[in-house]
PDB file of N, CA and C in Angstrom:
ATOM      1  N   UNK A   1       0.636  -1.271   0.076  1.00  0.00           N
ATOM      2  CA  UNK A   1       0.157   0.021  -0.039  1.00  0.00           C
ATOM      3  C   UNK A   1       1.040   1.134   0.124  1.00  0.00           C
ATOM      4  N   UNK A   2       1.974   1.197   0.655  1.00  0.00           N
ATOM      5  CA  UNK A   2       3.081   2.478   0.817  1.00  0.00           C
ATOM      6  C   UNK A   2       3.515   2.649  -0.673  1.00  0.00           C
ATOM      7  N   UNK A   3       3.938   1.586  -1.406  1.00  0.00           N
ATOM      8  CA  UNK A   3       4.473   1.752  -2.900  1.00  0.00           C
ATOM      9  C   UNK A   3       3.244   2.286  -3.541  1.00  0.00           C
ATOM     10  N   UNK A   4       2.208   1.846  -3.616  1.00  0.00           N
ATOM     11  CA  UNK A   4       1.115   2.626  -4.555  1.00  0.00           C
ATOM     12  C   UNK A   4       0.744   3.823  -4.086  1.00  0.00           C
ATOM     13  N   UNK A   5       0.788   4.449  -2.619  1.00  0.00           N
ATOM     14  CA  UNK A   5       0.591   5.678  -2.012  1.00  0.00           C
ATOM     15  C   UNK A   5       1.549   6.806  -2.814  1.00  0.00           C
ATOM     16  N   UNK A   6       2.761   5.914  -2.972  1.00  0.00           N
ATOM     17  CA  UNK A   6       3.761   6.771  -3.192  1.00  0.00           C
ATOM     18  C   UNK A   6       3.766   7.347  -4.704  1.00  0.00           C
ATOM     19  N   UNK A   7       3.207   6.430  -5.541  1.00  0.00           N
ATOM     20  CA  UNK A   7       2.854   6.537  -6.823  1.00  0.00           C
ATOM     21  C   UNK A   7       1.868   7.371  -7.242  1.00  0.00           C
ATOM     22  N   UNK A   8       0.769   7.240  -6.268  1.00  0.00           N
ATOM     23  CA  UNK A   8      -0.485   8.286  -6.332  1.00  0.00           C
ATOM     24  C   UNK A   8       0.040   9.658  -6.242  1.00  0.00           C
ATOM     25  N   UNK A   9       0.884   9.851  -5.214  1.00  0.00           N
ATOM     26  CA  UNK A   9       1.181  11.050  -4.547  1.00  0.00           C
ATOM     27  C   UNK A   9       2.164  11.982  -5.884  1.00  0.00           C
ATOM     28  N   UNK A  10       2.975  10.830  -6.408  1.00  0.00           N
ATOM     29  CA  UNK A  10       4.004  11.613  -7.567  1.00  0.00           C
ATOM     30  C   UNK A  10       3.074  11.659  -8.837  1.00  0.00           C
ATOM     31  N   UNK A  11       2.160  10.855  -9.149  1.00  0.00           N
ATOM     32  CA  UNK A  11       1.317  10.816 -10.573  1.00  0.00           C
ATOM     33  C   UNK A  11       0.022  11.722 -10.495  1.00  0.00           C
ATOM     34  N   UNK A  12      -0.551  11.595  -9.437  1.00  0.00           N
ATOM     35  CA  UNK A  12      -1.810  12.067  -9.377  1.00  0.00           C
ATOM     36  C   UNK A  12      -2.075  13.017  -8.092  1.00  0.00           C
ATOM     37  N   UNK A  13      -1.224  13.933  -7.727  1.00  0.00           N
ATOM     38  CA  UNK A  13      -0.937  14.686  -6.492  1.00  0.00           C
ATOM     39  C   UNK A  13      -2.459  15.284  -6.297  1.00  0.00           C
ATOM     40  N   UNK A  14      -3.230  15.651  -7.132  1.00  0.00           N
ATOM     41  CA  UNK A  14      -4.649  16.337  -6.800  1.00  0.00           C
ATOM     42  C   UNK A  14      -5.854  15.140  -6.528  1.00  0.00           C
ATOM     43  N   UNK A  15      -5.450  13.922  -6.760  1.00  0.00           N
ATOM     44  CA  UNK A  15      -6.302  12.934  -6.509  1.00  0.00           C
ATOM     45  C   UNK A  15      -6.000  11.787  -5.565  1.00  0.00           C
ATOM     46  N   UNK A  16      -4.721  12.187  -5.341  1.00  0.00           N
ATOM     47  CA  UNK A  16      -4.096  10.924  -4.457  1.00  0.00           C
ATOM     48  C   UNK A  16      -4.752  10.703  -2.832  1.00  0.00           C
ATOM     49  N   UNK A  17      -5.137  11.694  -2.430  1.00  0.00           N
ATOM     50  CA  UNK A  17      -5.906  11.425  -1.175  1.00  0.00           C
ATOM     51  C   UNK A  17      -7.101  10.574  -1.252  1.00  0.00           C
ATOM     52  N   UNK A  18      -8.044  11.045  -2.405  1.00  0.00           N
ATOM     53  CA  UNK A  18      -9.364  10.269  -2.563  1.00  0.00           C
ATOM     54  C   UNK A  18      -8.916   8.920  -3.043  1.00  0.00           C
ATOM     55  N   UNK A  19      -7.965   8.672  -3.974  1.00  0.00           N
ATOM     56  CA  UNK A  19      -7.740   7.339  -4.446  1.00  0.00           C
ATOM     57  C   UNK A  19      -7.113   6.463  -3.392  1.00  0.00           C
ATOM     58  N   UNK A  20      -6.268   7.040  -2.555  1.00  0.00           N
ATOM     59  CA  UNK A  20      -5.606   6.404  -1.420  1.00  0.00           C
ATOM     60  C   UNK A  20      -6.777   5.797  -0.590  1.00  0.00           C
ATOM     61  N   UNK A  21      -7.820   6.807  -0.224  1.00  0.00           N
ATOM     62  CA  UNK A  21      -8.826   6.228   0.766  1.00  0.00           C
ATOM     63  C   UNK A  21      -9.663   5.169   0.090  1.00  0.00           C
ATOM     64  N   UNK A  22     -10.021   5.456  -1.175  1.00  0.00           N
ATOM     65  CA  UNK A  22     -10.695   4.138  -1.939  1.00  0.00           C
ATOM     66  C   UNK A  22     -10.118   2.949  -1.755  1.00  0.00           C
ATOM     67  N   UNK A  23      -8.686   2.915  -1.841  1.00  0.00           N
ATOM     68  CA  UNK A  23      -7.941   1.525  -1.863  1.00  0.00           C
ATOM     69  C   UNK A  23      -7.779   0.971  -0.338  1.00  0.00           C
ATOM     70  N   UNK A  24      -7.616   1.970   0.717  1.00  0.00           N
ATOM     71  CA  UNK A  24      -7.790   1.352   1.863  1.00  0.00           C
ATOM     72  C   UNK A  24      -9.025   0.859   2.237  1.00  0.00           C
ATOM     73  N   UNK A  25     -10.155   1.572   1.579  1.00  0.00           N
ATOM     74  CA  UNK A  25     -11.408   0.680   2.058  1.00  0.00           C
ATOM     75  C   UNK A  25     -11.682  -0.515   1.242  1.00  0.00           C
ATOM     76  N   UNK A  26     -10.872  -1.006   0.345  1.00  0.00           N
ATOM     77  CA  UNK A  26     -11.260  -2.207  -0.021  1.00  0.00           C
ATOM     78  C   UNK A  26     -10.822  -3.417   0.579  1.00  0.00           C
ATOM     79  N   UNK A  27     -11.436  -4.623   0.503  1.00  0.00           N
ATOM     80  CA  UNK A  27     -10.870  -5.754   1.112  1.00  0.00           C
ATOM     81  C   UNK A  27      -9.902  -6.518   0.239  1.00  0.00           C
ATOM     82  N   UNK A  28      -8.702  -6.602   1.115  1.00  0.00           N
ATOM     83  CA  UNK A  28      -7.579  -7.300   0.256  1.00  0.00           C
ATOM     84  C   UNK A  28      -7.348  -8.534   0.673  1.00  0.00           C
ATOM     85  N   UNK A  29      -6.666  -9.493  -0.042  1.00  0.00           N
ATOM     86  CA  UNK A  29      -6.227 -10.859   0.054  1.00  0.00           C
ATOM     87  C   UNK A  29      -4.943 -10.477   0.251  1.00  0.00           C
ATOM     88  N   UNK A  30      -4.188 -10.918   1.460  1.00  0.00           N
ATOM     89  CA  UNK A  30      -2.695 -10.833   1.522  1.00  0.00           C
ATOM     90  C   UNK A  30      -1.966 -11.918   1.092  1.00  0.00           C
ATOM     91  N   UNK A  31      -0.884 -12.086   0.684  1.00  0.00           N
ATOM     92  CA  UNK A  31       0.153 -13.043  -0.054  1.00  0.00           C
ATOM     93  C   UNK A  31       1.210 -12.818   0.919  1.00  0.00           C
ATOM     94  N   UNK A  32       1.405 -13.388   1.823  1.00  0.00           N
ATOM     95  CA  UNK A  32       2.641 -13.319   2.676  1.00  0.00           C
ATOM     96  C   UNK A  32       3.331 -14.553   3.381  1.00  0.00           C
ATOM     97  N   UNK A  33       3.100 -15.710   2.469  1.00  0.00           N
ATOM     98  CA  UNK A  33       3.768 -16.831   2.732  1.00  0.00           C
ATOM     99  C   UNK A  33       5.108 -16.897   2.790  1.00  0.00           C
ATOM    100  N   UNK A  34       5.885 -17.716   3.659  1.00  0.00           N
ATOM    101  CA  UNK A  34       7.179 -18.205   3.738  1.00  0.00           C
ATOM    102  C   UNK A  34       7.698 -18.528   2.244  1.00  0.00           C
ATOM    103  N   UNK A  35       6.743 -19.259   1.619  1.00  0.00           N
ATOM    104  CA  UNK A  35       7.217 -19.715   0.055  1.00  0.00           C
ATOM    105  C   UNK A  35       7.295 -18.418  -0.612  1.00  0.00           C
ATOM    106  N   UNK A  36       6.481 -17.699  -0.754  1.00  0.00           N
ATOM    107  CA  UNK A  36       6.561 -16.488  -1.636  1.00  0.00           C
ATOM    108  C   UNK A  36       7.634 -15.579  -1.441  1.00  0.00           C
ATOM    109  N   UNK A  37       8.017 -15.248   0.080  1.00  0.00           N
ATOM    110  CA  UNK A  37       9.253 -14.714   0.245  1.00  0.00           C
ATOM    111  C   UNK A  37      10.353 -15.345  -0.235  1.00  0.00           C
ATOM    112  N   UNK A  38      10.390 -16.742   0.135  1.00  0.00           N
ATOM    113  CA  UNK A  38      11.548 -17.416  -0.451  1.00  0.00           C
ATOM    114  C   UNK A  38      11.820 -17.151  -2.010  1.00  0.00           C
ATOM    115  N   UNK A  39      10.750 -17.159  -2.775  1.00  0.00           N
ATOM    116  CA  UNK A  39      10.866 -17.087  -3.902  1.00  0.00           C
ATOM    117  C   UNK A  39      11.245 -15.773  -4.570  1.00  0.00           C
ATOM    118  N   UNK A  40      10.784 -14.772  -3.924  1.00  0.00           N
ATOM    119  CA  UNK A  40      11.126 -13.452  -3.927  1.00  0.00           C
ATOM    120  C   UNK A  40      12.562 -12.897  -3.751  1.00  0.00           C
ATOM    121  N   UNK A  41      13.074 -13.822  -2.701  1.00  0.00           N
ATOM    122  CA  UNK A  41      14.551 -13.567  -2.394  1.00  0.00           C
ATOM    123  C   UNK A  41      15.369 -14.031  -3.404  1.00  0.00           C
ATOM    124  N   UNK A  42      15.092 -15.455  -3.799  1.00  0.00           N
ATOM    125  CA  UNK A  42      15.793 -16.243  -5.107  1.00  0.00           C
ATOM    126  C   UNK A  42      15.828 -15.368  -6.148  1.00  0.00           C
ATOM    127  N   UNK A  43      14.443 -14.801  -6.655  1.00  0.00           N
ATOM    128  CA  UNK A  43      14.512 -13.928  -7.744  1.00  0.00           C
ATOM    129  C   UNK A  43      15.373 -12.659  -7.603  1.00  0.00           C
ATOM    130  N   UNK A  44      15.153 -11.994  -6.334  1.00  0.00           N
ATOM    131  CA  UNK A  44      16.255 -10.788  -6.495  1.00  0.00           C
ATOM    132  C   UNK A  44      17.538 -11.297  -6.404  1.00  0.00           C
ATOM    133  N   UNK A  45      18.039 -12.255  -5.880  1.00  0.00           N
ATOM    134  CA  UNK A  45      19.410 -12.571  -5.994  1.00  0.00           C
ATOM    135  C   UNK A  45      19.939 -13.245  -7.239  1.00  0.00           C
ATOM    136  N   UNK A  46      19.178 -13.853  -7.896  1.00  0.00           N
ATOM    137  CA  UNK A  46      19.304 -14.536  -9.221  1.00  0.00           C
ATOM    138  C   UNK A  46      19.507 -13.401 -10.489  1.00  0.00           C
ATOM    139  N   UNK A  47      18.399 -12.471 -10.282  1.00  0.00           N
ATOM    140  CA  UNK A  47      18.140 -11.529 -11.237  1.00  0.00           C
ATOM    141  C   UNK A  47      18.768 -10.100 -11.048  1.00  0.00           C
ATOM    142  N   UNK A  48      19.293 -10.196  -9.770  1.00  0.00           N
ATOM    143  CA  UNK A  48      20.049  -8.816  -9.393  1.00  0.00           C
ATOM    144  C   UNK A  48      19.050  -7.702  -9.360  1.00  0.00           C
ATOM    145  N   UNK A  49      18.157  -7.772  -8.762  1.00  0.00           N
ATOM    146  CA  UNK A  49      17.058  -6.772  -8.897  1.00  0.00           C
ATOM    147  C   UNK A  49      16.423  -6.615  -7.509  1.00  0.00           C
ATOM    148  N   UNK A  50      15.872  -5.411  -7.215  1.00  0.00           N
ATOM    149  CA  UNK A  50      15.228  -5.211  -6.018  1.00  0.00           C
ATOM    150  C   UNK A  50      14.167  -5.969  -5.509  1.00  0.00           C
ATOM    151  N   UNK A  51      14.059  -6.396  -4.077  1.00  0.00           N
ATOM    152  CA  UNK A  51      13.236  -7.322  -3.795  1.00  0.00           C
ATOM    153  C   UNK A  51      11.778  -6.765  -3.720  1.00  0.00           C
ATOM    154  N   UNK A  52      11.657  -5.580  -3.734  1.00  0.00           N
ATOM    155  CA  UNK A  52       9.935  -5.408  -3.805  1.00  0.00           C
ATOM    156  C   UNK A  52       9.425  -5.662  -5.228  1.00  0.00           C
ATOM    157  N   UNK A  53      10.067  -5.292  -6.319  1.00  0.00           N
ATOM    158  CA  UNK A  53       9.952  -5.832  -7.905  1.00  0.00           C
ATOM    159  C   UNK A  53       9.608  -7.178  -7.832  1.00  0.00           C
ATOM    160  N   UNK A  54      10.606  -7.809  -7.109  1.00  0.00           N
ATOM    161  CA  UNK A  54      10.507  -9.586  -7.357  1.00  0.00           C
ATOM    162  C   UNK A  54       9.492  -9.934  -6.335  1.00  0.00           C
ATOM    163  N   UNK A  55       9.057  -9.582  -5.202  1.00  0.00           N
ATOM    164  CA  UNK A  55       8.252  -9.917  -4.545  1.00  0.00           C
ATOM    165  C   UNK A  55       6.503  -9.928  -5.324  1.00  0.00           C
ATOM    166  N   UNK A  56       6.318  -9.145  -6.174  1.00  0.00           N
ATOM    167  CA  UNK A  56       5.178  -9.079  -6.848  1.00  0.00           C
ATOM    168  C   UNK A  56       5.077 -10.167  -7.805  1.00  0.00           C
ATOM    169  N   UNK A  57       6.616 -10.418  -8.471  1.00  0.00           N
ATOM    170  CA  UNK A  57       6.410 -11.452  -9.309  1.00  0.00           C
ATOM    171  C   UNK A  57       6.207 -12.949  -8.671  1.00  0.00           C
ATOM    172  N   UNK A  58       6.943 -12.783  -7.300  1.00  0.00           N
ATOM    173  CA  UNK A  58       6.668 -14.039  -6.899  1.00  0.00           C
ATOM    174  C   UNK A  58       5.482 -14.402  -6.179  1.00  0.00           C
ATOM    175  N   UNK A  59       4.553 -13.271  -5.953  1.00  0.00           N
ATOM    176  CA  UNK A  59       3.314 -13.661  -5.592  1.00  0.00           C
ATOM    177  C   UNK A  59       2.504 -14.104  -6.876  1.00  0.00           C
ATOM    178  N   UNK A  60       2.799 -13.720  -8.043  1.00  0.00           N
ATOM    179  CA  UNK A  60       2.327 -14.222  -9.181  1.00  0.00           C
ATOM    180  C   UNK A  60       2.504 -15.349  -9.627  1.00  0.00           C
ATOM    181  N   UNK A  61       3.635 -15.967  -9.218  1.00  0.00           N
ATOM    182  CA  UNK A  61       4.168 -17.310  -9.465  1.00  0.00           C
ATOM    183  C   UNK A  61       3.609 -18.110  -8.365  1.00  0.00           C
ATOM    184  N   UNK A  62       3.041 -17.784  -7.142  1.00  0.00           N
ATOM    185  CA  UNK A  62       2.510 -18.605  -6.173  1.00  0.00           C
ATOM    186  C   UNK A  62       1.042 -18.628  -6.276  1.00  0.00           C
ATOM    187  N   UNK A  63       0.293 -17.642  -6.869  1.00  0.00           N
ATOM    188  CA  UNK A  63      -1.083 -17.725  -6.906  1.00  0.00           C
ATOM    189  C   UNK A  63      -1.623 -18.332  -8.409  1.00  0.00           C
ATOM    190  N   UNK A  64      -2.571 -19.035  -7.927  1.00  0.00           N
ATOM    191  CA  UNK A  64      -3.076 -19.757  -9.446  1.00  0.00           C
ATOM    192  C   UNK A  64      -3.832 -18.723 -10.085  1.00  0.00           C
ATOM    193  N   UNK A  65      -3.655 -18.890 -11.518  1.00  0.00           N
ATOM    194  CA  UNK A  65      -4.182 -18.021 -12.586  1.00  0.00           C
ATOM    195  C   UNK A  65      -3.821 -16.265 -12.302  1.00  0.00           C
ATOM    196  N   UNK A  66      -2.511 -16.165 -11.747  1.00  0.00           N
ATOM    197  CA  UNK A  66      -2.118 -15.028 -11.675  1.00  0.00           C
ATOM    198  C   UNK A  66      -0.791 -14.635 -12.576  1.00  0.00           C
ATOM    199  N   UNK A  67      -0.641 -13.315 -12.900  1.00  0.00           N
ATOM    200  CA  UNK A  67       0.410 -13.012 -13.497  1.00  0.00           C
ATOM    201  C   UNK A  67       0.692 -11.733 -13.126  1.00  0.00           C
ATOM    202  N   UNK A  68       2.290 -11.219 -13.338  1.00  0.00           N
ATOM    203  CA  UNK A  68       2.544  -9.817 -12.887  1.00  0.00           C
ATOM    204  C   UNK A  68       2.569  -9.354 -14.220  1.00  0.00           C
ATOM    205  N   UNK A  69       1.724  -8.090 -14.146  1.00  0.00           N
ATOM    206  CA  UNK A  69       1.777  -7.157 -15.561  1.00  0.00           C
ATOM    207  C   UNK A  69       2.721  -6.037 -15.242  1.00  0.00           C
ATOM    208  N   UNK A  70       3.774  -5.925 -15.781  1.00  0.00           N
ATOM    209  CA  UNK A  70       4.886  -4.606 -15.467  1.00  0.00           C
ATOM    210  C   UNK A  70       4.901  -3.636 -16.704  1.00  0.00           C
ATOM    211  N   UNK A  71       5.417  -2.456 -16.334  1.00  0.00           N
ATOM    212  CA  UNK A  71       5.630  -1.638 -17.517  1.00  0.00           C
ATOM    213  C   UNK A  71       7.356  -1.670 -17.549  1.00  0.00           C
ATOM    214  N   UNK A  72       7.890  -2.144 -16.748  1.00  0.00           N
ATOM    215  CA  UNK A  72       9.427  -2.171 -16.321  1.00  0.00           C
ATOM    216  C   UNK A  72      10.095  -3.300 -17.413  1.00  0.00           C
ATOM    217  N   UNK A  73      10.311  -2.617 -18.385  1.00  0.00           N
ATOM    218  CA  UNK A  73      10.960  -3.481 -19.700  1.00  0.00           C
ATOM    219  C   UNK A  73      12.269  -4.137 -19.188  1.00  0.00           C
ATOM    220  N   UNK A  74      12.900  -3.301 -18.251  1.00  0.00           N
ATOM    221  CA  UNK A  74      14.402  -4.001 -17.892  1.00  0.00           C
ATOM    222  C   UNK A  74      13.879  -5.237 -16.852  1.00  0.00           C
ATOM    223  N   UNK A  75      12.939  -5.006 -16.025  1.00  0.00           N
ATOM    224  CA  UNK A  75      12.774  -6.210 -15.278  1.00  0.00           C
ATOM    225  C   UNK A  75      12.256  -7.274 -16.166  1.00  0.00           C
ATOM    226  N   UNK A  76      11.303  -6.943 -16.729  1.00  0.00           N
ATOM    227  CA  UNK A  76      10.784  -8.257 -17.852  1.00  0.00           C
ATOM    228  C   UNK A  76      11.688  -8.867 -18.547  1.00  0.00           C
ATOM    229  N   UNK A  77      13.003  -8.122 -19.203  1.00  0.00           N
ATOM    230  CA  UNK A  77      13.795  -8.946 -19.864  1.00  0.00           C
ATOM    231  C   UNK A  77      14.735  -9.613 -18.874  1.00  0.00           C
ATOM    232  N   UNK A  78      14.788  -9.340 -17.787  1.00  0.00           N
ATOM    233  CA  UNK A  78      15.627 -10.246 -16.789  1.00  0.00           C
ATOM    234  C   UNK A  78      14.690 -11.428 -16.412  1.00  0.00           C
ATOM    235  N   UNK A  79      13.584 -11.278 -16.149  1.00  0.00           N
ATOM    236  CA  UNK A  79      12.538 -11.990 -15.395  1.00  0.00           C
ATOM    237  C   UNK A  79      11.724 -13.079 -16.107  1.00  0.00           C
ATOM    238  N   UNK A  80      11.453 -12.693 -17.433  1.00  0.00           N
ATOM    239  CA  UNK A  80      10.761 -13.429 -18.343  1.00  0.00           C
ATOM    240  C   UNK A  80      10.869 -14.964 -18.376  1.00  0.00           C
ATOM    241  N   UNK A  81      12.268 -15.439 -18.225  1.00  0.00           N
ATOM    242  CA  UNK A  81      12.315 -16.760 -18.099  1.00  0.00           C
ATOM    243  C   UNK A  81      11.805 -17.504 -16.840  1.00  0.00           C
ATOM    244  N   UNK A  82      11.506 -17.088 -15.735  1.00  0.00           N
ATOM    245  CA  UNK A  82      10.893 -17.321 -14.749  1.00  0.00           C
ATOM    246  C   UNK A  82       9.306 -17.423 -14.836  1.00  0.00           C
ATOM    247  N   UNK A  83       8.762 -17.065 -16.055  1.00  0.00           N
ATOM    248  CA  UNK A  83       7.479 -17.074 -16.221  1.00  0.00           C
ATOM    249  C   UNK A  83       6.376 -16.224 -15.404  1.00  0.00           C
ATOM    250  N   UNK A  84       5.142 -16.269 -15.985  1.00  0.00           N
ATOM    251  CA  UNK A  84       4.107 -15.550 -15.259  1.00  0.00           C
ATOM    252  C   UNK A  84       4.302 -14.023 -15.348  1.00  0.00           C
ATOM    253  N   UNK A  85       4.983 -13.445 -16.351  1.00  0.00           N
ATOM    254  CA  UNK A  85       5.356 -11.855 -16.372  1.00  0.00           C
ATOM    255  C   UNK A  85       4.993 -11.404 -17.753  1.00  0.00           C
ATOM    256  N   UNK A  86       4.149 -10.416 -17.449  1.00  0.00           N
ATOM    257  CA  UNK A  86       3.805  -9.806 -19.258  1.00  0.00           C
ATOM    258  C   UNK A  86       3.953  -8.163 -19.048  1.00  0.00           C
ATOM    259  N   UNK A  87       4.568  -7.954 -20.059  1.00  0.00           N
ATOM    260  CA  UNK A  87       4.738  -6.482 -20.266  1.00  0.00           C
ATOM    261  C   UNK A  87       3.247  -5.651 -20.454  1.00  0.00           C
ATOM    262  N   UNK A  88       3.282  -4.503 -19.660  1.00  0.00           N
ATOM    263  CA  UNK A  88       1.969  -3.868 -19.914  1.00  0.00           C
ATOM    264  C   UNK A  88       1.548  -3.619 -21.360  1.00  0.00           C
ATOM    265  N   UNK A  89       2.637  -3.333 -22.161  1.00  0.00           N
ATOM    266  CA  UNK A  89       2.207  -2.986 -23.385  1.00  0.00           C
ATOM    267  C   UNK A  89       1.618  -4.075 -24.353  1.00  0.00           C
ATOM    268  N   UNK A  90       1.838  -5.330 -23.754  1.00  0.00           N
ATOM    269  CA  UNK A  90       1.150  -6.476 -24.190  1.00  0.00           C
ATOM    270  C   UNK A  90       0.138  -7.230 -23.592  1.00  0.00           C
ATOM    271  N   UNK A  91      -0.136  -6.395 -22.529  1.00  0.00           N
ATOM    272  CA  UNK A  91      -1.510  -6.929 -21.696  1.00  0.00           C
ATOM    273  C   UNK A  91      -2.831  -6.712 -22.390  1.00  0.00           C
ATOM    274  N   UNK A  92      -3.436  -7.867 -22.341  1.00  0.00           N
ATOM    275  CA  UNK A  92      -4.918  -7.996 -22.582  1.00  0.00           C
ATOM    276  C   UNK A  92      -5.538  -9.225 -21.657  1.00  0.00           C
ATOM    277  N   UNK A  93      -6.827  -8.730 -21.187  1.00  0.00           N
ATOM    278  CA  UNK A  93      -7.386  -9.836 -20.226  1.00  0.00           C
ATOM    279  C   UNK A  93      -7.279 -11.016 -20.510  1.00  0.00           C
ATOM    280  N   UNK A  94      -7.165 -11.388 -22.154  1.00  0.00           N
ATOM    281  CA  UNK A  94      -7.138 -12.901 -22.522  1.00  0.00           C
ATOM    282  C   UNK A  94      -5.553 -13.204 -22.324  1.00  0.00           C
ATOM    283  N   UNK A  95      -4.600 -12.406 -22.078  1.00  0.00           N
ATOM    284  CA  UNK A  95      -3.033 -12.750 -22.186  1.00  0.00           C
ATOM    285  C   UNK A  95      -2.782 -13.161 -20.492  1.00  0.00           C
ATOM    286  N   UNK A  96      -3.478 -12.966 -19.659  1.00  0.00           N
ATOM    287  CA  UNK A  96      -3.213 -13.580 -18.154  1.00  0.00           C
ATOM    288  C   UNK A  96      -3.605 -14.840 -18.125  1.00  0.00           C
ATOM    289  N   UNK A  97      -2.435 -15.633 -17.352  1.00  0.00           N
ATOM    290  CA  UNK A  97      -2.573 -16.819 -17.271  1.00  0.00           C
ATOM    291  C   UNK A  97      -3.199 -17.401 -15.944  1.00  0.00           C
TER     292      UNK A  97
END
């Protein structure tokens, strides 16, 4: 939530408070298993990439029918071999596994 709030503040400063409140009022399912963290750490080490990004990918790898959609071409190019990652520019609802 903190990372989303930071992006809202930077990209939509006039709407950030309202959008953030809406997000905080949503029901969330949290994915914080030891296996997900282990995968995130392994990805971070093997890809030489920041854990925050690899954690989102690890969640996608551990959740049935999930994929990470990213606009980060650099991460995509490093991580596509791990599977279940899609570039935003190639995303469509039919492309999610």
